[in-house]
């Protein structure tokens, strides 16, 4: 089970680096490294923030 968890974390980290590398125009930044290391926390946080912004915009209009 531990090996599976490590594998999933490593695979998620690689996908996070690839995604942030693509949206960062090929530059490796502190944000990219942070996303790669802490993706189990940052990605849901960003999704939730996007939902909150969408709701705020819907209420404003």
N, C-alpha and C. Protein backbone atom coordinates (compact mmCIF):
# COMPACT_ATOMS: atom_id res chain seq x y z
N UNK A 1 0.83 -1.20 0.00
CA UNK A 1 0.00 0.00 0.00
C UNK A 1 0.87 1.26 0.00
N UNK A 2 1.96 1.21 0.75
CA UNK A 2 2.85 2.36 0.80
C UNK A 2 3.48 2.62 -0.56
N UNK A 3 3.85 1.57 -1.26
CA UNK A 3 4.43 1.73 -2.59
C UNK A 3 3.42 2.35 -3.55
N UNK A 4 2.18 1.96 -3.44
CA UNK A 4 1.14 2.53 -4.29
C UNK A 4 0.97 4.02 -3.99
N UNK A 5 0.99 4.39 -2.73
CA UNK A 5 0.85 5.80 -2.36
C UNK A 5 2.02 6.62 -2.88
N UNK A 6 3.23 6.09 -2.77
CA UNK A 6 4.41 6.80 -3.28
C UNK A 6 4.33 6.92 -4.79
N UNK A 7 3.92 5.85 -5.47
CA UNK A 7 3.78 5.90 -6.92
C UNK A 7 2.76 6.94 -7.35
N UNK A 8 1.60 6.96 -6.70
CA UNK A 8 0.56 7.93 -7.06
C UNK A 8 1.02 9.36 -6.79
N UNK A 9 1.73 9.57 -5.69
CA UNK A 9 2.24 10.91 -5.39
C UNK A 9 3.26 11.35 -6.44
N UNK A 10 4.16 10.44 -6.82
CA UNK A 10 5.18 10.76 -7.82
C UNK A 10 4.53 11.02 -9.18
N UNK A 11 3.57 10.20 -9.56
CA UNK A 11 2.88 10.41 -10.84
C UNK A 11 2.13 11.73 -10.84
N UNK A 12 1.45 12.04 -9.75
CA UNK A 12 0.76 13.32 -9.65
C UNK A 12 1.71 14.49 -9.70
N UNK A 13 2.88 14.34 -9.08
CA UNK A 13 3.88 15.40 -9.10
C UNK A 13 4.38 15.65 -10.52
N UNK A 14 4.63 14.57 -11.25
CA UNK A 14 5.08 14.73 -12.63
C UNK A 14 4.01 15.39 -13.50
N UNK A 15 2.77 15.01 -13.31
CA UNK A 15 1.69 15.65 -14.07
C UNK A 15 1.54 17.11 -13.70
N UNK A 16 1.70 17.44 -12.42
CA UNK A 16 1.60 18.83 -11.99
C UNK A 16 2.73 19.66 -12.58
N UNK A 17 3.94 19.11 -12.62
CA UNK A 17 5.07 19.83 -13.22
C UNK A 17 4.84 20.03 -14.71
N UNK A 18 4.36 18.99 -15.40
CA UNK A 18 4.11 19.11 -16.83
C UNK A 18 3.05 20.17 -17.11
N UNK A 19 1.97 20.17 -16.34
CA UNK A 19 0.90 21.14 -16.54
C UNK A 19 1.39 22.56 -16.28
N UNK A 20 2.08 22.77 -15.17
CA UNK A 20 2.53 24.11 -14.85
C UNK A 20 3.64 24.55 -15.80
N UNK A 21 4.42 23.61 -16.32
CA UNK A 21 5.45 23.93 -17.31
C UNK A 21 4.80 24.41 -18.60
N UNK A 22 3.69 23.79 -18.99
CA UNK A 22 2.98 24.19 -20.21
C UNK A 22 2.34 25.56 -20.06
N UNK A 23 1.70 25.82 -18.92
CA UNK A 23 1.04 27.11 -18.76
C UNK A 23 2.03 28.21 -18.41
N UNK A 24 3.25 27.83 -17.99
CA UNK A 24 4.27 28.82 -17.66
C UNK A 24 5.20 29.11 -18.81
N UNK A 25 4.85 28.74 -20.01
CA UNK A 25 5.61 28.98 -21.23
C UNK A 25 7.02 28.39 -21.14
N UNK A 26 7.12 27.22 -20.55
CA UNK A 26 8.38 26.51 -20.54
C UNK A 26 9.34 26.90 -19.44
N UNK A 27 8.95 27.78 -18.54
CA UNK A 27 9.84 28.20 -17.46
C UNK A 27 9.54 27.41 -16.20
N UNK A 28 10.59 27.04 -15.50
CA UNK A 28 10.44 26.37 -14.21
C UNK A 28 10.52 27.45 -13.14
N UNK A 29 9.48 27.57 -12.35
CA UNK A 29 9.42 28.63 -11.35
C UNK A 29 9.19 28.05 -9.96
N UNK A 30 9.22 28.92 -8.98
CA UNK A 30 8.94 28.51 -7.60
C UNK A 30 7.52 27.94 -7.52
N UNK A 31 6.58 28.55 -8.25
CA UNK A 31 5.21 28.05 -8.26
C UNK A 31 5.11 26.64 -8.81
N UNK A 32 5.91 26.37 -9.84
CA UNK A 32 5.92 25.03 -10.43
C UNK A 32 6.42 24.01 -9.42
N UNK A 33 7.50 24.35 -8.74
CA UNK A 33 8.06 23.43 -7.75
C UNK A 33 7.09 23.23 -6.59
N UNK A 34 6.46 24.32 -6.14
CA UNK A 34 5.50 24.21 -5.05
C UNK A 34 4.31 23.35 -5.46
N UNK A 35 3.84 23.54 -6.69
CA UNK A 35 2.73 22.73 -7.18
C UNK A 35 3.12 21.26 -7.25
N UNK A 36 4.34 20.99 -7.68
CA UNK A 36 4.79 19.60 -7.78
C UNK A 36 4.90 18.94 -6.41
N UNK A 37 5.35 19.70 -5.42
CA UNK A 37 5.55 19.11 -4.09
C UNK A 37 4.25 18.99 -3.31
N UNK A 38 3.40 19.99 -3.45
CA UNK A 38 2.21 20.07 -2.61
C UNK A 38 0.91 19.95 -3.40
N UNK A 39 0.94 19.24 -4.54
CA UNK A 39 -0.24 19.18 -5.41
C UNK A 39 -1.47 18.58 -4.74
N UNK A 40 -1.34 17.65 -3.79
CA UNK A 40 -2.59 17.16 -3.17
C UNK A 40 -3.35 18.25 -2.42
N UNK A 41 -2.64 19.30 -2.02
CA UNK A 41 -3.27 20.41 -1.30
C UNK A 41 -3.60 21.55 -2.25
N UNK A 42 -2.66 21.91 -3.13
CA UNK A 42 -2.83 23.11 -3.95
C UNK A 42 -3.90 22.95 -5.02
N UNK A 43 -3.96 21.81 -5.66
CA UNK A 43 -4.93 21.66 -6.76
C UNK A 43 -6.37 21.75 -6.26
N UNK A 44 -6.76 21.03 -5.20
CA UNK A 44 -8.14 21.23 -4.69
C UNK A 44 -8.38 22.66 -4.21
N UNK A 45 -7.36 23.30 -3.63
CA UNK A 45 -7.50 24.69 -3.19
C UNK A 45 -7.78 25.61 -4.37
N UNK A 46 -7.05 25.42 -5.47
CA UNK A 46 -7.25 26.24 -6.67
C UNK A 46 -8.62 25.98 -7.26
N UNK A 47 -9.06 24.73 -7.29
CA UNK A 47 -10.39 24.42 -7.81
C UNK A 47 -11.46 25.10 -6.96
N UNK A 48 -11.31 24.99 -5.64
CA UNK A 48 -12.29 25.62 -4.75
C UNK A 48 -12.30 27.13 -4.93
N UNK A 49 -11.12 27.73 -5.08
CA UNK A 49 -11.05 29.17 -5.30
C UNK A 49 -11.74 29.55 -6.61
N UNK A 50 -11.58 28.74 -7.64
CA UNK A 50 -12.25 29.00 -8.91
C UNK A 50 -13.76 28.94 -8.77
N UNK A 51 -14.25 28.00 -7.99
CA UNK A 51 -15.69 27.90 -7.74
C UNK A 51 -16.18 29.12 -6.98
N UNK A 52 -15.42 29.55 -5.97
CA UNK A 52 -15.80 30.74 -5.20
C UNK A 52 -15.84 31.97 -6.10
N UNK A 53 -14.84 32.14 -6.95
CA UNK A 53 -14.83 33.29 -7.87
C UNK A 53 -16.01 33.24 -8.83
N UNK A 54 -16.36 32.06 -9.32
CA UNK A 54 -17.50 31.92 -10.22
C UNK A 54 -18.79 32.31 -9.52
N UNK A 55 -18.96 31.88 -8.29
CA UNK A 55 -20.16 32.23 -7.52
C UNK A 55 -20.20 33.73 -7.27
N UNK A 56 -19.07 34.33 -6.93
CA UNK A 56 -19.03 35.77 -6.69
C UNK A 56 -19.40 36.54 -7.95
N UNK A 57 -18.86 36.13 -9.08
CA UNK A 57 -19.19 36.79 -10.35
C UNK A 57 -20.67 36.62 -10.69
N UNK A 58 -21.23 35.44 -10.41
CA UNK A 58 -22.65 35.21 -10.70
C UNK A 58 -23.53 36.08 -9.81
N UNK A 59 -23.13 36.26 -8.57
CA UNK A 59 -23.91 37.10 -7.65
C UNK A 59 -23.83 38.56 -8.06
N UNK A 60 -22.67 39.00 -8.51
CA UNK A 60 -22.49 40.40 -8.92
C UNK A 60 -23.30 40.75 -10.16
N UNK A 61 -23.47 39.80 -11.06
CA UNK A 61 -24.16 40.11 -12.32
C UNK A 61 -25.64 39.85 -12.28
